[in-house]
Amino acid sequence: MFGLILTLLILDALLLSVVVLLQAGQGGGLAALGGGGGTESFVGGRQAVTILTRSTWWLGGIFLTLSLILSVMSAGRTAATSEVEQLLQQQQAPAPVAPLPLGGTEPAPAAGTPAAPQPQPQP
């Protein structure tokens, strides 16, 4: 399903690019603001809605909708990791270390294990 919607999004993007490039330029742009043009060139005036303009709006809306659907679908996915990535994560995990007691250099026995008998000095 994800692949189908992604394919539709790519086709829509290509069609949208073609439709936008087929449209005639408005002319002027920022250069018209410098002088001469009047309010019609500043505001844009009223233009006839052509089939290219309507298709641009429709294709843009479809593009946004498909993008939103894909983002929602990808947020619910869990990233599958390969075996190599799992091995690397296991190797990077540090081994647990028993804490040293404050006064000595020997590690403290783990909780629940009997303490080893201490050797008695010989007289």
Protein backbone atom coordinates (compact mmCIF):
# COMPACT_ATOMS: atom_id res chain seq x y z
CA MET A 1 0.00 0.00 0.00
CA PHE A 2 2.83 2.35 0.93
CA GLY A 3 4.59 1.69 -2.39
CA LEU A 4 1.41 2.34 -4.38
CA ILE A 5 0.77 5.69 -2.70
CA LEU A 6 4.43 6.64 -3.10
CA THR A 7 4.24 5.84 -6.82
CA LEU A 8 1.08 7.96 -7.14
CA LEU A 9 2.85 10.81 -5.34
CA ILE A 10 5.81 10.67 -7.72
CA LEU A 11 3.53 10.62 -10.78
CA ASP A 12 1.53 13.54 -9.37
CA ALA A 13 4.72 15.50 -8.76
CA LEU A 14 5.85 14.93 -12.35
CA LEU A 15 2.46 15.99 -13.75
CA LEU A 16 2.39 19.04 -11.49
CA SER A 17 5.84 20.07 -12.72
CA VAL A 18 4.77 19.74 -16.36
CA VAL A 19 1.54 21.71 -15.84
CA VAL A 20 3.35 24.52 -14.03
CA LEU A 21 5.99 24.76 -16.73
CA LEU A 22 3.33 24.86 -19.48
CA GLN A 23 1.65 27.94 -18.02
CA ALA A 24 2.46 31.34 -19.50
CA GLY A 25 4.41 33.66 -17.24
CA GLN A 26 2.67 36.62 -15.63
CA GLY A 27 5.44 39.01 -16.56
CA GLY A 28 6.68 41.78 -14.36
CA GLY A 29 7.14 40.09 -11.03
CA LEU A 30 9.35 42.09 -8.70
CA ALA A 31 10.55 44.25 -11.56
CA ALA A 32 7.02 45.70 -11.97
CA LEU A 33 7.02 46.93 -8.37
CA GLY A 34 9.81 49.37 -9.10
CA GLY A 35 7.68 51.75 -11.07
CA GLY A 36 5.15 52.32 -13.78
CA GLY A 37 2.88 49.30 -13.40
CA GLY A 38 -0.02 50.68 -11.35
CA THR A 39 -2.20 48.74 -8.93
CA GLU A 40 -3.25 46.05 -11.39
CA SER A 41 0.29 44.79 -11.78
CA PHE A 42 0.80 45.00 -8.01
CA VAL A 43 -2.37 43.14 -7.02
CA GLY A 44 -2.39 40.94 -10.10
CA GLY A 45 -5.73 41.95 -11.59
CA ARG A 46 -8.44 39.51 -12.59
CA GLN A 47 -7.40 36.65 -14.82
CA ALA A 48 -9.35 34.03 -16.68
CA VAL A 49 -9.16 30.61 -15.05
CA THR A 50 -7.73 28.22 -17.60
CA ILE A 51 -7.58 24.44 -17.59
CA LEU A 52 -3.91 24.68 -16.63
CA THR A 53 -4.71 26.81 -13.59
CA ARG A 54 -7.42 24.42 -12.42
CA SER A 55 -5.22 21.39 -12.98
CA THR A 56 -2.42 23.08 -11.01
CA TRP A 57 -4.73 23.54 -8.03
CA TRP A 58 -6.06 19.99 -8.26
CA LEU A 59 -2.64 18.40 -8.68
CA GLY A 60 -1.26 20.50 -5.81
CA GLY A 61 -4.12 19.42 -3.54
CA ILE A 62 -3.62 15.77 -4.48
CA PHE A 63 0.12 16.13 -3.81
CA LEU A 64 -0.49 17.56 -0.34
CA THR A 65 -3.08 14.90 0.49
CA LEU A 66 -0.84 12.03 -0.61
CA SER A 67 2.09 13.51 1.30
CA LEU A 68 -0.02 13.73 4.46
CA ILE A 69 -1.20 10.13 4.06
CA LEU A 70 2.36 8.90 3.57
CA SER A 71 3.61 10.79 6.62
CA VAL A 72 0.87 9.28 8.80
CA MET A 73 1.58 5.80 7.44
CA SER A 74 5.33 6.09 7.99
CA ALA A 75 4.88 7.36 11.56
CA GLY A 76 3.15 4.11 12.49
CA ARG A 77 5.87 1.92 11.04
CA THR A 78 8.60 0.48 13.19
CA ALA A 79 12.06 0.53 11.74
CA ALA A 80 13.16 -2.99 10.94
CA THR A 81 16.81 -3.53 11.74
CA SER A 82 19.04 -5.94 9.92
CA GLU A 83 21.03 -8.67 11.61
CA VAL A 84 24.22 -6.66 11.21
CA GLU A 85 22.69 -3.66 13.00
CA GLN A 86 21.48 -5.91 15.82
CA LEU A 87 24.97 -7.39 16.24
CA LEU A 88 26.52 -3.92 16.32
CA GLN A 89 24.03 -2.80 18.97
CA GLN A 90 24.82 -5.83 21.10
CA GLN A 91 28.57 -5.21 20.84
CA GLN A 92 28.19 -1.56 21.79
CA ALA A 93 26.20 -2.34 24.94
CA PRO A 94 28.53 -2.07 27.96
CA ALA A 95 28.89 -5.05 30.28
CA PRO A 96 27.54 -4.50 33.82
CA VAL A 97 30.25 -3.76 36.38
CA ALA A 98 29.97 -4.53 40.10
CA PRO A 99 30.64 -1.47 42.26
CA LEU A 100 33.74 -1.39 44.45
CA PRO A 101 33.31 -1.00 48.20
CA LEU A 102 34.42 2.29 49.68
CA GLY A 103 37.23 0.94 51.87
CA GLY A 104 38.73 -1.91 49.83
CA THR A 105 39.76 -3.01 46.42
CA GLU A 106 37.72 -6.23 46.19
CA PRO A 107 34.30 -6.14 44.56
CA ALA A 108 31.31 -6.49 46.82
CA PRO A 109 29.43 -9.81 46.62
CA ALA A 110 26.20 -9.71 44.68
CA ALA A 111 23.00 -9.56 46.69
CA GLY A 112 21.61 -12.98 47.56
CA THR A 113 24.90 -14.87 47.17
CA PRO A 114 26.67 -16.30 50.19
CA ALA A 115 29.93 -14.64 51.08
CA ALA A 116 33.07 -16.70 50.54
CA PRO A 117 34.76 -17.80 53.79
CA GLN A 118 37.70 -15.62 54.76
CA PRO A 119 41.02 -17.45 55.18
CA GLN A 120 42.28 -17.51 58.78
CA PRO A 121 45.87 -16.42 59.38
CA GLN A 122 48.17 -19.21 60.63
CA PRO A 123 49.81 -18.59 64.09
